[in-house]
Amino acid sequence: MCEDEDIRTKYITTVNDVDNRIPLNQNLQPDIQKIDSIIRKITEKKAPYNELMRLEDACERLKATIAMQIRRGG
């Protein structure tokens, strides 16, 4: 081992990006259908303002989670 390698192993550490989550091994189609059902429901009926705001917050969290997953590579 050369001197440069000794220095690197002594002073430089690497951090592995470990994702301890269990992979999702299922199709998300049922979840997509639920979302479509919610869209139909709120377009066919007049939803209360506070419920629409709660739904909007949940959608923003969902969009942020999906974007994070896409950036991580799925």
C-alpha atoms as a PDB file:
ATOM      1  CA  MET A   1       0.000   0.000   0.000  1.00  0.00           C
ATOM      2  CA  CYS A   2       1.409   3.406  -0.916  1.00  0.00           C
ATOM      3  CA  GLU A   3       1.589   6.358   1.435  1.00  0.00           C
ATOM      4  CA  ASP A   4      -1.372   8.151  -0.249  1.00  0.00           C
ATOM      5  CA  GLU A   5      -3.626   5.154   0.391  1.00  0.00           C
ATOM      6  CA  ASP A   6      -2.543   5.084   4.046  1.00  0.00           C
ATOM      7  CA  ILE A   7      -3.471   8.743   4.440  1.00  0.00           C
ATOM      8  CA  ARG A   8      -6.835   8.281   2.725  1.00  0.00           C
ATOM      9  CA  THR A   9      -7.828   5.325   4.884  1.00  0.00           C
ATOM     10  CA  LYS A  10      -6.620   7.086   8.011  1.00  0.00           C
ATOM     11  CA  TYR A  11      -8.335  10.446   7.536  1.00  0.00           C
ATOM     12  CA  ILE A  12     -11.123   9.951   5.003  1.00  0.00           C
ATOM     13  CA  THR A  13     -14.211   7.944   5.733  1.00  0.00           C
ATOM     14  CA  THR A  14     -17.011   7.228   3.333  1.00  0.00           C
ATOM     15  CA  VAL A  15     -20.624   7.110   4.340  1.00  0.00           C
ATOM     16  CA  ASN A  16     -22.788   4.635   2.536  1.00  0.00           C
ATOM     17  CA  ASP A  17     -26.322   5.798   1.783  1.00  0.00           C
ATOM     18  CA  VAL A  18     -28.140   2.959   3.458  1.00  0.00           C
ATOM     19  CA  ASP A  19     -31.885   2.820   2.997  1.00  0.00           C
ATOM     20  CA  ASN A  20     -33.291   0.427   5.564  1.00  0.00           C
ATOM     21  CA  ARG A  21     -36.820   0.533   4.197  1.00  0.00           C
ATOM     22  CA  ILE A  22     -38.369  -2.630   2.813  1.00  0.00           C
ATOM     23  CA  PRO A  23     -38.955  -2.431  -0.954  1.00  0.00           C
ATOM     24  CA  LEU A  24     -42.536  -2.021  -2.092  1.00  0.00           C
ATOM     25  CA  ASN A  25     -43.145  -5.108  -4.190  1.00  0.00           C
ATOM     26  CA  GLN A  26     -46.639  -4.331  -5.328  1.00  0.00           C
ATOM     27  CA  ASN A  27     -48.389  -2.467  -8.048  1.00  0.00           C
ATOM     28  CA  LEU A  28     -49.627   0.981  -7.058  1.00  0.00           C
ATOM     29  CA  GLN A  29     -52.614   0.755  -9.423  1.00  0.00           C
ATOM     30  CA  PRO A  30     -55.178   0.318  -6.576  1.00  0.00           C
ATOM     31  CA  ASP A  31     -53.830   3.470  -4.928  1.00  0.00           C
ATOM     32  CA  ILE A  32     -54.033   5.374  -8.210  1.00  0.00           C
ATOM     33  CA  GLN A  33     -57.641   4.235  -8.580  1.00  0.00           C
ATOM     34  CA  LYS A  34     -58.422   5.525  -5.075  1.00  0.00           C
ATOM     35  CA  ILE A  35     -56.996   8.916  -6.020  1.00  0.00           C
ATOM     36  CA  ASP A  36     -59.088   8.942  -9.208  1.00  0.00           C
ATOM     37  CA  SER A  37     -62.150   8.092  -7.112  1.00  0.00           C
ATOM     38  CA  ILE A  38     -61.447  11.042  -4.796  1.00  0.00           C
ATOM     39  CA  ILE A  39     -61.090  13.354  -7.804  1.00  0.00           C
ATOM     40  CA  ARG A  40     -64.465  12.200  -9.156  1.00  0.00           C
ATOM     41  CA  LYS A  41     -66.073  12.624  -5.746  1.00  0.00           C
ATOM     42  CA  ILE A  42     -64.941  16.220  -5.255  1.00  0.00           C
ATOM     43  CA  THR A  43     -65.850  17.238  -8.816  1.00  0.00           C
ATOM     44  CA  GLU A  44     -69.352  15.769  -8.534  1.00  0.00           C
ATOM     45  CA  LYS A  45     -70.113  17.224  -5.098  1.00  0.00           C
ATOM     46  CA  LYS A  46     -69.392  20.448  -3.279  1.00  0.00           C
ATOM     47  CA  ALA A  47     -66.811  19.721  -0.617  1.00  0.00           C
ATOM     48  CA  PRO A  48     -66.435  21.882   2.499  1.00  0.00           C
ATOM     49  CA  TYR A  49     -63.579  24.385   2.369  1.00  0.00           C
ATOM     50  CA  ASN A  50     -61.753  22.930   5.395  1.00  0.00           C
ATOM     51  CA  GLU A  51     -61.854  19.429   3.886  1.00  0.00           C
ATOM     52  CA  LEU A  52     -60.483  20.759   0.608  1.00  0.00           C
ATOM     53  CA  MET A  53     -57.647  22.432   2.509  1.00  0.00           C
ATOM     54  CA  ARG A  54     -56.852  19.177   4.334  1.00  0.00           C
ATOM     55  CA  LEU A  55     -56.895  17.330   1.017  1.00  0.00           C
ATOM     56  CA  GLU A  56     -54.623  19.939  -0.543  1.00  0.00           C
ATOM     57  CA  ASP A  57     -52.117  19.537   2.311  1.00  0.00           C
ATOM     58  CA  ALA A  58     -52.178  15.757   1.932  1.00  0.00           C
ATOM     59  CA  CYS A  59     -51.643  16.082  -1.828  1.00  0.00           C
ATOM     60  CA  GLU A  60     -48.644  18.361  -1.292  1.00  0.00           C
ATOM     61  CA  ARG A  61     -47.114  15.815   1.081  1.00  0.00           C
ATOM     62  CA  LEU A  62     -47.802  13.056  -1.452  1.00  0.00           C
ATOM     63  CA  LYS A  63     -46.221  15.062  -4.272  1.00  0.00           C
ATOM     64  CA  ALA A  64     -43.145  15.803  -2.142  1.00  0.00           C
ATOM     65  CA  THR A  65     -42.801  12.136  -1.198  1.00  0.00           C
ATOM     66  CA  ILE A  66     -43.112  11.013  -4.816  1.00  0.00           C
ATOM     67  CA  ALA A  67     -40.549  13.607  -5.943  1.00  0.00           C
ATOM     68  CA  MET A  68     -38.119  12.428  -3.264  1.00  0.00           C
ATOM     69  CA  GLN A  69     -38.561   8.808  -4.349  1.00  0.00           C
ATOM     70  CA  ILE A  70     -37.990   9.720  -7.983  1.00  0.00           C
ATOM     71  CA  ARG A  71     -34.780  11.569  -7.095  1.00  0.00           C
ATOM     72  CA  ARG A  72     -33.578   8.538  -5.132  1.00  0.00           C
ATOM     73  CA  GLY A  73     -34.225   6.358  -8.141  1.00  0.00           C
ATOM     74  CA  GLY A  74     -37.434   4.687  -7.046  1.00  0.00           C
END
